[in-house]
Structures are given as structure tokens and as C-alpha cells.
Amino acid sequence: MSAPTSSRAARRRAPAAPQLQLIRQTETLGADADLQRALDLLHSTRDEGAGPMLRIYRPQPTVAFGQRDAKLPGFDEAARRCRALGFEPLVRRAGGRAAAYGPGSLVVDHIEPDSDPIRESQDRFAAFGELFADALQSAGLDAVMAPLPAEYCYGEHSVHGIHPEEADVRIKLVGTAQRQVASGWLFSTSIVVEDGPAIRRVLAEVYDALGLEWDPLTAGSADELNPELTVHGVEQAILETYGTYWDFLEPTG
């Protein structure tokens, strides 16, 4: 199974779920090493007998810049401001603009062997966007897969949450990116659950240094919309939602 279908009706008619190796990383390896491990898992799809994998972890405070960001005159200043606020600046190989996450966030890396990894690459954005919107809804949020005007790291398939009493208060919570190699694909998702003020502050500094216009009100965390939400609770909701598509093998660390 290359990705969840974006059709709920098709999901109900789906055959027996395939197996998925769950990798629950209990401690960050460091900002750079965490990103590198995802690439190592992607390249492991070349190995005989490799199967689908799901890695989930809480990252170190990180600002992941896009390739275009690194070419802007203000990049060095943006990186300096990140470090001053305790965030490690990194340049990811995928596209997009700067995004921030930290211990109050979750990173979910889904890796699958695939002899034709490009074929469904665009469909994956919609399918996984719906999956994570469903997970946040089950955790207790009004979540929608759609971009917000002037959001940070704009994406057509990002997911935002809506305040239960103030419908005009909307916060981007989920961003996605993917990579492909000849033997498979990696779909990486970051979900901001807690520490909204810290995320908002570092992004404000970064986008100011880069000279990019955006709306700071699009940044924040899920618990600003529902104070009862925790990283652990959202992680459980994600795994339960995944369980409607896949059967988990024994977790590894």
C-alpha cells in the first residue's frame, strides 16, 4: 500500500491492512542527526526484504529552512537569531520556506519501498494531509486540510486548526515534505502541539531577517486551540488513525 487513499468510502472497502514497522524514537539524536536518520531509513529501502516503516519522535528545537531561504541575503542573520533563541538552523533538501518545531512537536516519517516512487507523489500530499487532519479531529480539534492566507511555509496540503469559539482564529499545525530515491519514498510530517509562543517568536525573527512577508497569527500550537491537548495525546491519536490503514509490527527504538 503506497499511501492512504483520500476517499473515506474506499478506506471502508479496503482489504486487510498491510504491516508497518513502528519506530518510536524516545530521544532526539540532535537536529542534524534526526534529519539524517530519516534519509538513512529512506536509503534502507534498497535492502532486500525492506518493508514500510513509520518513525515518530519529539525533535530538538529546530528551524528547517528551504533551499530558497539559504540563498537570501538575510539567511546568516536569520540563522543567528535562531541560535539566540535556542533553535538549531538547518537547510533541508526539500523545497518550501522556513518551518519551526521542537520538543512540543511531533515529527512523523513514513518510509516505503517503491519501484516507482514518483508516480503517486502528488496524491500523497492530499492523502496524508487528510490522514493528519483526521487524527487531529479525533484528538479533539476542528482541523482542516487547506492553506491559510500568508501562512509560514505555505503549502496547498498543510493542515490548520480552528478555534472552537472564534472561527477567525486559525493556526497552521501540520506541514509536510517528501523525498524519493530509486527504491522508495519518504513522507515527513511535523505537527506543532505545544510551545506555540516559542514557535511564533522564532518564526517572526526568521521571516523578518529573511525579508519575507507572512501573517504571524498563522503560527502557534494545537494546545492554544484546545488546552487539553498534549503531545502524548496527539501521538496516540495519530497511531490510532494509522491503525485504520496498517497493522503495526512490534515497535523498535
C-alpha atoms as a PDB file:
ATOM      1  CA  MET A   1       0.000   0.000   0.000  1.00  0.00           C
ATOM      2  CA  SER A   2       1.747   3.153  -1.180  1.00  0.00           C
ATOM      3  CA  ALA A   3      -0.326   5.654   0.818  1.00  0.00           C
ATOM      4  CA  PRO A   4      -3.761   6.005   2.414  1.00  0.00           C
ATOM      5  CA  THR A   5      -6.496   6.757  -0.082  1.00  0.00           C
ATOM      6  CA  SER A   6      -8.061  10.190   0.173  1.00  0.00           C
ATOM      7  CA  SER A   7     -11.518   8.582  -0.088  1.00  0.00           C
ATOM      8  CA  ARG A   8     -13.124   7.553   3.201  1.00  0.00           C
ATOM      9  CA  ALA A   9     -15.509   5.268   1.309  1.00  0.00           C
ATOM     10  CA  ALA A  10     -12.584   3.493  -0.312  1.00  0.00           C
ATOM     11  CA  ARG A  11     -10.996   3.120   3.117  1.00  0.00           C
ATOM     12  CA  ARG A  12     -14.076   1.323   4.402  1.00  0.00           C
ATOM     13  CA  ARG A  13     -13.850  -1.099   1.471  1.00  0.00           C
ATOM     14  CA  ALA A  14     -10.095  -1.631   1.868  1.00  0.00           C
ATOM     15  CA  PRO A  15      -8.742  -5.193   2.150  1.00  0.00           C
ATOM     16  CA  ALA A  16      -6.706  -6.464   5.086  1.00  0.00           C
ATOM     17  CA  ALA A  17      -4.222  -3.842   6.238  1.00  0.00           C
ATOM     18  CA  PRO A  18      -0.559  -4.237   5.311  1.00  0.00           C
ATOM     19  CA  GLN A  19       2.109  -4.340   8.000  1.00  0.00           C
ATOM     20  CA  LEU A  20       4.096  -1.309   9.090  1.00  0.00           C
ATOM     21  CA  GLN A  21       7.235  -1.319  11.241  1.00  0.00           C
ATOM     22  CA  LEU A  22       6.782   1.242  14.029  1.00  0.00           C
ATOM     23  CA  ILE A  23       9.944   3.025  15.171  1.00  0.00           C
ATOM     24  CA  ARG A  24       9.268   5.028  18.335  1.00  0.00           C
ATOM     25  CA  GLN A  25      12.356   7.145  18.864  1.00  0.00           C
ATOM     26  CA  THR A  26      12.290   8.103  22.529  1.00  0.00           C
ATOM     27  CA  GLU A  27      15.066  10.723  22.484  1.00  0.00           C
ATOM     28  CA  THR A  28      16.257  13.242  19.932  1.00  0.00           C
ATOM     29  CA  LEU A  29      19.579  12.474  18.273  1.00  0.00           C
ATOM     30  CA  GLY A  30      20.180  16.172  17.653  1.00  0.00           C
ATOM     31  CA  ALA A  31      18.688  18.334  14.918  1.00  0.00           C
ATOM     32  CA  ASP A  32      21.013  17.308  12.103  1.00  0.00           C
ATOM     33  CA  ALA A  33      21.224  13.638  13.116  1.00  0.00           C
ATOM     34  CA  ASP A  34      17.432  13.372  13.334  1.00  0.00           C
ATOM     35  CA  LEU A  35      17.089  14.537   9.739  1.00  0.00           C
ATOM     36  CA  GLN A  36      19.925  12.262   8.637  1.00  0.00           C
ATOM     37  CA  ARG A  37      18.293   9.229  10.219  1.00  0.00           C
ATOM     38  CA  ALA A  38      15.214   9.786   8.078  1.00  0.00           C
ATOM     39  CA  LEU A  39      17.410   9.747   4.968  1.00  0.00           C
ATOM     40  CA  ASP A  40      19.205   6.620   6.198  1.00  0.00           C
ATOM     41  CA  LEU A  41      15.856   4.863   6.583  1.00  0.00           C
ATOM     42  CA  LEU A  42      14.882   6.008   3.092  1.00  0.00           C
ATOM     43  CA  HIS A  43      18.066   4.554   1.616  1.00  0.00           C
ATOM     44  CA  SER A  44      17.464   1.304   3.532  1.00  0.00           C
ATOM     45  CA  THR A  45      14.566   0.643   1.129  1.00  0.00           C
ATOM     46  CA  ARG A  46      17.278  -0.674  -1.205  1.00  0.00           C
ATOM     47  CA  ASP A  47      17.822  -3.624   1.139  1.00  0.00           C
ATOM     48  CA  GLU A  48      16.236  -6.943   0.282  1.00  0.00           C
ATOM     49  CA  GLY A  49      13.159  -7.568   2.376  1.00  0.00           C
ATOM     50  CA  ALA A  50      12.739  -3.935   3.431  1.00  0.00           C
ATOM     51  CA  GLY A  51       9.152  -3.026   4.287  1.00  0.00           C
ATOM     52  CA  PRO A  52       7.120   0.073   5.150  1.00  0.00           C
ATOM     53  CA  MET A  53       8.283   1.964   8.252  1.00  0.00           C
ATOM     54  CA  LEU A  54       6.810   4.645  10.491  1.00  0.00           C
ATOM     55  CA  ARG A  55       9.160   6.655  12.689  1.00  0.00           C
ATOM     56  CA  ILE A  56       7.764   9.084  15.268  1.00  0.00           C
ATOM     57  CA  TYR A  57       9.725  11.325  17.648  1.00  0.00           C
ATOM     58  CA  ARG A  58       9.858  14.645  19.508  1.00  0.00           C
ATOM     59  CA  PRO A  59      12.570  16.799  17.913  1.00  0.00           C
ATOM     60  CA  GLN A  60      15.145  19.209  19.254  1.00  0.00           C
ATOM     61  CA  PRO A  61      14.229  22.911  18.747  1.00  0.00           C
ATOM     62  CA  THR A  62      14.877  23.333  15.033  1.00  0.00           C
ATOM     63  CA  VAL A  63      14.185  25.769  12.225  1.00  0.00           C
ATOM     64  CA  ALA A  64      14.231  23.908   8.910  1.00  0.00           C
ATOM     65  CA  PHE A  65      14.982  26.344   6.097  1.00  0.00           C
ATOM     66  CA  GLY A  66      14.219  25.705   2.457  1.00  0.00           C
ATOM     67  CA  GLN A  67      16.820  25.874  -0.286  1.00  0.00           C
ATOM     68  CA  ARG A  68      15.484  29.268  -1.433  1.00  0.00           C
ATOM     69  CA  ASP A  69      15.837  30.684   2.084  1.00  0.00           C
ATOM     70  CA  ALA A  70      19.533  29.833   2.160  1.00  0.00           C
ATOM     71  CA  LYS A  71      20.129  31.972  -0.928  1.00  0.00           C
ATOM     72  CA  LEU A  72      18.581  35.129   0.543  1.00  0.00           C
ATOM     73  CA  PRO A  73      20.848  37.958   1.826  1.00  0.00           C
ATOM     74  CA  GLY A  74      19.344  37.714   5.316  1.00  0.00           C
ATOM     75  CA  PHE A  75      19.939  33.989   5.804  1.00  0.00           C
ATOM     76  CA  ASP A  76      23.029  34.317   8.031  1.00  0.00           C
ATOM     77  CA  GLU A  77      21.205  36.800  10.257  1.00  0.00           C
ATOM     78  CA  ALA A  78      18.156  34.520  10.380  1.00  0.00           C
ATOM     79  CA  ALA A  79      20.361  31.606  11.455  1.00  0.00           C
ATOM     80  CA  ARG A  80      21.986  33.774  14.131  1.00  0.00           C
ATOM     81  CA  ARG A  81      18.571  34.737  15.525  1.00  0.00           C
ATOM     82  CA  CYS A  82      17.529  31.076  15.605  1.00  0.00           C
ATOM     83  CA  ARG A  83      20.538  30.149  17.701  1.00  0.00           C
ATOM     84  CA  ALA A  84      19.959  33.109  20.040  1.00  0.00           C
ATOM     85  CA  LEU A  85      16.507  31.696  20.781  1.00  0.00           C
ATOM     86  CA  GLY A  86      17.768  28.140  21.260  1.00  0.00           C
ATOM     87  CA  PHE A  87      16.743  26.763  17.853  1.00  0.00           C
ATOM     88  CA  GLU A  88      19.168  24.961  15.548  1.00  0.00           C
ATOM     89  CA  PRO A  89      19.043  26.269  11.955  1.00  0.00           C
ATOM     90  CA  LEU A  90      19.196  23.602   9.252  1.00  0.00           C
ATOM     91  CA  VAL A  91      18.718  23.694   5.490  1.00  0.00           C
ATOM     92  CA  ARG A  92      16.580  20.821   4.270  1.00  0.00           C
ATOM     93  CA  ARG A  93      16.941  19.418   0.782  1.00  0.00           C
ATOM     94  CA  ALA A  94      13.236  19.667   0.034  1.00  0.00           C
ATOM     95  CA  GLY A  95      11.510  22.881  -1.010  1.00  0.00           C
ATOM     96  CA  GLY A  96       9.310  25.256   0.941  1.00  0.00           C
ATOM     97  CA  ARG A  97      10.126  28.066   3.348  1.00  0.00           C
ATOM     98  CA  ALA A  98      11.293  28.079   6.955  1.00  0.00           C
ATOM     99  CA  ALA A  99       9.308  25.998   9.447  1.00  0.00           C
ATOM    100  CA  ALA A 100       9.952  25.584  13.184  1.00  0.00           C
ATOM    101  CA  TYR A 101       9.362  22.746  15.613  1.00  0.00           C
ATOM    102  CA  GLY A 102      10.686  21.485  18.931  1.00  0.00           C
ATOM    103  CA  PRO A 103      10.014  19.192  21.900  1.00  0.00           C
ATOM    104  CA  GLY A 104       6.382  20.290  21.910  1.00  0.00           C
ATOM    105  CA  SER A 105       6.034  18.944  18.380  1.00  0.00           C
ATOM    106  CA  LEU A 106       5.964  15.545  16.727  1.00  0.00           C
ATOM    107  CA  VAL A 107       7.791  14.510  13.591  1.00  0.00           C
ATOM    108  CA  VAL A 108       6.344  11.536  11.725  1.00  0.00           C
ATOM    109  CA  ASP A 109       8.447   9.927   8.981  1.00  0.00           C
ATOM    110  CA  HIS A 110       6.682   7.385   6.772  1.00  0.00           C
ATOM    111  CA  ILE A 111       9.033   5.373   4.536  1.00  0.00           C
ATOM    112  CA  GLU A 112       8.039   2.794   1.940  1.00  0.00           C
ATOM    113  CA  PRO A 113       9.921   0.757  -0.678  1.00  0.00           C
ATOM    114  CA  ASP A 114       8.535   1.570  -4.127  1.00  0.00           C
ATOM    115  CA  SER A 115       9.907   0.735  -7.564  1.00  0.00           C
ATOM    116  CA  ASP A 116       8.154   3.820  -8.988  1.00  0.00           C
ATOM    117  CA  PRO A 117       8.219   6.383  -6.142  1.00  0.00           C
ATOM    118  CA  ILE A 118       7.390   9.401  -8.331  1.00  0.00           C
ATOM    119  CA  ARG A 119       4.126   8.009  -9.704  1.00  0.00           C
ATOM    120  CA  GLU A 120       1.877   8.886  -6.732  1.00  0.00           C
ATOM    121  CA  SER A 121       3.952  11.684  -5.225  1.00  0.00           C
ATOM    122  CA  GLN A 122       1.305  14.406  -5.646  1.00  0.00           C
ATOM    123  CA  ASP A 123      -1.511  12.156  -4.465  1.00  0.00           C
ATOM    124  CA  ARG A 124       0.454  11.501  -1.278  1.00  0.00           C
ATOM    125  CA  PHE A 125       0.224  15.140  -0.196  1.00  0.00           C
ATOM    126  CA  ALA A 126      -3.573  15.028  -0.268  1.00  0.00           C
ATOM    127  CA  ALA A 127      -3.841  11.545   1.258  1.00  0.00           C
ATOM    128  CA  PHE A 128      -1.515  12.215   4.181  1.00  0.00           C
ATOM    129  CA  GLY A 129      -2.984  15.685   4.700  1.00  0.00           C
ATOM    130  CA  GLU A 130      -6.375  14.075   5.185  1.00  0.00           C
ATOM    131  CA  LEU A 131      -4.902  11.419   7.476  1.00  0.00           C
ATOM    132  CA  PHE A 132      -3.385  14.017   9.830  1.00  0.00           C
ATOM    133  CA  ALA A 133      -6.483  16.205   9.733  1.00  0.00           C
ATOM    134  CA  ASP A 134      -8.477  13.113  10.758  1.00  0.00           C
ATOM    135  CA  ALA A 135      -6.002  12.397  13.574  1.00  0.00           C
ATOM    136  CA  LEU A 136      -6.254  15.926  14.965  1.00  0.00           C
ATOM    137  CA  GLN A 137     -10.038  15.775  14.763  1.00  0.00           C
ATOM    138  CA  SER A 138     -10.045  12.552  16.755  1.00  0.00           C
ATOM    139  CA  ALA A 139      -7.727  14.217  19.304  1.00  0.00           C
ATOM    140  CA  GLY A 140     -10.280  16.986  19.840  1.00  0.00           C
ATOM    141  CA  LEU A 141      -9.632  19.727  17.265  1.00  0.00           C
ATOM    142  CA  ASP A 142     -11.582  21.202  14.387  1.00  0.00           C
ATOM    143  CA  ALA A 143      -8.855  20.543  11.795  1.00  0.00           C
ATOM    144  CA  VAL A 144      -8.937  21.204   8.052  1.00  0.00           C
ATOM    145  CA  MET A 145      -6.559  20.371   5.227  1.00  0.00           C
ATOM    146  CA  ALA A 146      -6.168  23.735   3.472  1.00  0.00           C
ATOM    147  CA  PRO A 147      -3.583  26.527   3.404  1.00  0.00           C
ATOM    148  CA  LEU A 148      -4.064  29.751   5.324  1.00  0.00           C
ATOM    149  CA  PRO A 149      -3.511  33.108   3.598  1.00  0.00           C
ATOM    150  CA  ALA A 150       0.048  34.325   4.256  1.00  0.00           C
ATOM    151  CA  GLU A 151       0.881  31.265   6.386  1.00  0.00           C
ATOM    152  CA  TYR A 152       4.502  30.378   7.086  1.00  0.00           C
ATOM    153  CA  CYS A 153       5.949  27.727   4.751  1.00  0.00           C
ATOM    154  CA  TYR A 154       2.865  27.894   2.540  1.00  0.00           C
ATOM    155  CA  GLY A 155       1.561  24.562   1.262  1.00  0.00           C
ATOM    156  CA  GLU A 156      -1.620  23.555  -0.520  1.00  0.00           C
ATOM    157  CA  HIS A 157      -1.942  20.489   1.715  1.00  0.00           C
ATOM    158  CA  SER A 158      -0.984  21.927   5.079  1.00  0.00           C
ATOM    159  CA  VAL A 159      -3.427  21.368   7.945  1.00  0.00           C
ATOM    160  CA  HIS A 160      -4.723  24.073  10.254  1.00  0.00           C
ATOM    161  CA  GLY A 161      -6.859  24.074  13.366  1.00  0.00           C
ATOM    162  CA  ILE A 162      -9.814  26.364  14.101  1.00  0.00           C
ATOM    163  CA  HIS A 163     -10.623  27.876  17.494  1.00  0.00           C
ATOM    164  CA  PRO A 164     -13.897  26.403  18.839  1.00  0.00           C
ATOM    165  CA  GLU A 165     -15.311  29.805  19.824  1.00  0.00           C
ATOM    166  CA  GLU A 166     -13.550  32.190  17.445  1.00  0.00           C
ATOM    167  CA  ALA A 167     -13.761  30.856  13.899  1.00  0.00           C
ATOM    168  CA  ASP A 168     -11.418  33.530  12.557  1.00  0.00           C
ATOM    169  CA  VAL A 169      -8.603  32.220  14.800  1.00  0.00           C
ATOM    170  CA  ARG A 170      -6.854  29.617  12.666  1.00  0.00           C
ATOM    171  CA  ILE A 171      -3.388  28.176  13.249  1.00  0.00           C
ATOM    172  CA  LYS A 172      -1.249  26.110  10.913  1.00  0.00           C
ATOM    173  CA  LEU A 173      -0.367  22.904  12.772  1.00  0.00           C
ATOM    174  CA  VAL A 174       0.867  20.415  10.173  1.00  0.00           C
ATOM    175  CA  GLY A 175       3.452  20.766   7.426  1.00  0.00           C
ATOM    176  CA  THR A 176       4.633  18.027   5.075  1.00  0.00           C
ATOM    177  CA  ALA A 177       7.505  17.289   2.712  1.00  0.00           C
ATOM    178  CA  GLN A 178       8.735  14.276   0.804  1.00  0.00           C
ATOM    179  CA  ARG A 179      11.815  12.796  -0.805  1.00  0.00           C
ATOM    180  CA  GLN A 180      12.228   9.959  -3.298  1.00  0.00           C
ATOM    181  CA  VAL A 181      15.085   7.684  -4.278  1.00  0.00           C
ATOM    182  CA  ALA A 182      15.056   4.922  -6.886  1.00  0.00           C
ATOM    183  CA  SER A 183      13.972   2.329  -4.314  1.00  0.00           C
ATOM    184  CA  GLY A 184      11.343   4.180  -2.298  1.00  0.00           C
ATOM    185  CA  TRP A 185       9.934   7.339  -0.759  1.00  0.00           C
ATOM    186  CA  LEU A 186       9.952   9.282   2.494  1.00  0.00           C
ATOM    187  CA  PHE A 187       6.970  11.388   3.570  1.00  0.00           C
ATOM    188  CA  SER A 188       7.807  13.580   6.557  1.00  0.00           C
ATOM    189  CA  THR A 189       5.249  15.444   8.656  1.00  0.00           C
ATOM    190  CA  SER A 190       5.704  17.886  11.537  1.00  0.00           C
ATOM    191  CA  ILE A 191       2.846  18.621  13.955  1.00  0.00           C
ATOM    192  CA  VAL A 192       3.086  21.518  16.430  1.00  0.00           C
ATOM    193  CA  VAL A 193       1.186  20.511  19.575  1.00  0.00           C
ATOM    194  CA  GLU A 194       2.680  22.635  22.381  1.00  0.00           C
ATOM    195  CA  ASP A 195       5.007  25.661  22.838  1.00  0.00           C
ATOM    196  CA  GLY A 196       3.153  27.905  20.408  1.00  0.00           C
ATOM    197  CA  PRO A 197       4.646  31.195  21.714  1.00  0.00           C
ATOM    198  CA  ALA A 198       8.224  29.950  21.192  1.00  0.00           C
ATOM    199  CA  ILE A 199       7.404  28.772  17.662  1.00  0.00           C
ATOM    200  CA  ARG A 200       5.740  32.083  16.841  1.00  0.00           C
ATOM    201  CA  ARG A 201       8.639  34.127  18.192  1.00  0.00           C
ATOM    202  CA  VAL A 202      11.392  32.312  16.331  1.00  0.00           C
ATOM    203  CA  LEU A 203       9.438  32.370  13.075  1.00  0.00           C
ATOM    204  CA  ALA A 204       8.822  36.110  13.493  1.00  0.00           C
ATOM    205  CA  GLU A 205      12.570  36.673  13.870  1.00  0.00           C
ATOM    206  CA  VAL A 206      13.431  34.401  10.951  1.00  0.00           C
ATOM    207  CA  TYR A 207      10.941  35.844   8.479  1.00  0.00           C
ATOM    208  CA  ASP A 208      11.925  39.385   9.472  1.00  0.00           C
ATOM    209  CA  ALA A 209      15.604  38.625   8.829  1.00  0.00           C
ATOM    210  CA  LEU A 210      14.801  36.973   5.503  1.00  0.00           C
ATOM    211  CA  GLY A 211      12.605  39.883   4.450  1.00  0.00           C
ATOM    212  CA  LEU A 212       9.608  37.640   3.789  1.00  0.00           C
ATOM    213  CA  GLU A 213       6.034  38.772   4.372  1.00  0.00           C
ATOM    214  CA  TRP A 214       3.712  36.488   6.323  1.00  0.00           C
ATOM    215  CA  ASP A 215       0.981  36.588   8.961  1.00  0.00           C
ATOM    216  CA  PRO A 216       2.381  35.728  12.427  1.00  0.00           C
ATOM    217  CA  LEU A 217      -1.127  34.808  13.590  1.00  0.00           C
ATOM    218  CA  THR A 218      -0.917  31.672  11.425  1.00  0.00           C
ATOM    219  CA  ALA A 219       1.791  30.265  13.727  1.00  0.00           C
ATOM    220  CA  GLY A 220       1.170  28.556  17.030  1.00  0.00           C
ATOM    221  CA  SER A 221       0.273  25.215  18.535  1.00  0.00           C
ATOM    222  CA  ALA A 222      -2.680  22.863  18.905  1.00  0.00           C
ATOM    223  CA  ASP A 223      -2.973  23.418  22.652  1.00  0.00           C
ATOM    224  CA  GLU A 224      -3.691  27.105  22.023  1.00  0.00           C
ATOM    225  CA  LEU A 225      -6.909  25.952  20.361  1.00  0.00           C
ATOM    226  CA  ASN A 226      -7.652  23.168  22.846  1.00  0.00           C
ATOM    227  CA  PRO A 227      -5.731  23.451  26.164  1.00  0.00           C
ATOM    228  CA  GLU A 228      -6.407  19.797  26.967  1.00  0.00           C
ATOM    229  CA  LEU A 229      -4.213  18.572  24.117  1.00  0.00           C
ATOM    230  CA  THR A 230      -0.758  17.150  24.849  1.00  0.00           C
ATOM    231  CA  VAL A 231       1.995  15.733  22.676  1.00  0.00           C
ATOM    232  CA  HIS A 232       1.317  12.281  24.086  1.00  0.00           C
ATOM    233  CA  GLY A 233      -2.399  12.530  23.369  1.00  0.00           C
ATOM    234  CA  VAL A 234      -1.862  13.657  19.787  1.00  0.00           C
ATOM    235  CA  GLU A 235       0.701  10.900  19.261  1.00  0.00           C
ATOM    236  CA  GLN A 236      -1.853   8.322  20.395  1.00  0.00           C
ATOM    237  CA  ALA A 237      -4.477   9.810  18.075  1.00  0.00           C
ATOM    238  CA  ILE A 238      -2.036   9.597  15.155  1.00  0.00           C
ATOM    239  CA  LEU A 239      -1.238   5.958  15.862  1.00  0.00           C
ATOM    240  CA  GLU A 240      -4.936   5.098  16.219  1.00  0.00           C
ATOM    241  CA  THR A 241      -5.682   6.792  12.902  1.00  0.00           C
ATOM    242  CA  TYR A 242      -2.787   4.962  11.272  1.00  0.00           C
ATOM    243  CA  GLY A 243      -4.225   1.761  12.674  1.00  0.00           C
ATOM    244  CA  THR A 244      -7.208   2.105  10.334  1.00  0.00           C
ATOM    245  CA  TYR A 245      -4.830   1.649   7.382  1.00  0.00           C
ATOM    246  CA  TRP A 246      -1.957  -0.513   8.666  1.00  0.00           C
ATOM    247  CA  ASP A 247      -1.187  -3.246  11.174  1.00  0.00           C
ATOM    248  CA  PHE A 248       1.835  -2.355  13.307  1.00  0.00           C
ATOM    249  CA  LEU A 249       4.722  -4.727  13.808  1.00  0.00           C
ATOM    250  CA  GLU A 250       6.493  -4.718  17.177  1.00  0.00           C
ATOM    251  CA  PRO A 251       7.801  -1.214  17.931  1.00  0.00           C
ATOM    252  CA  THR A 252      11.550  -0.598  17.842  1.00  0.00           C
ATOM    253  CA  GLY A 253      13.536   2.289  19.318  1.00  0.00           C
END
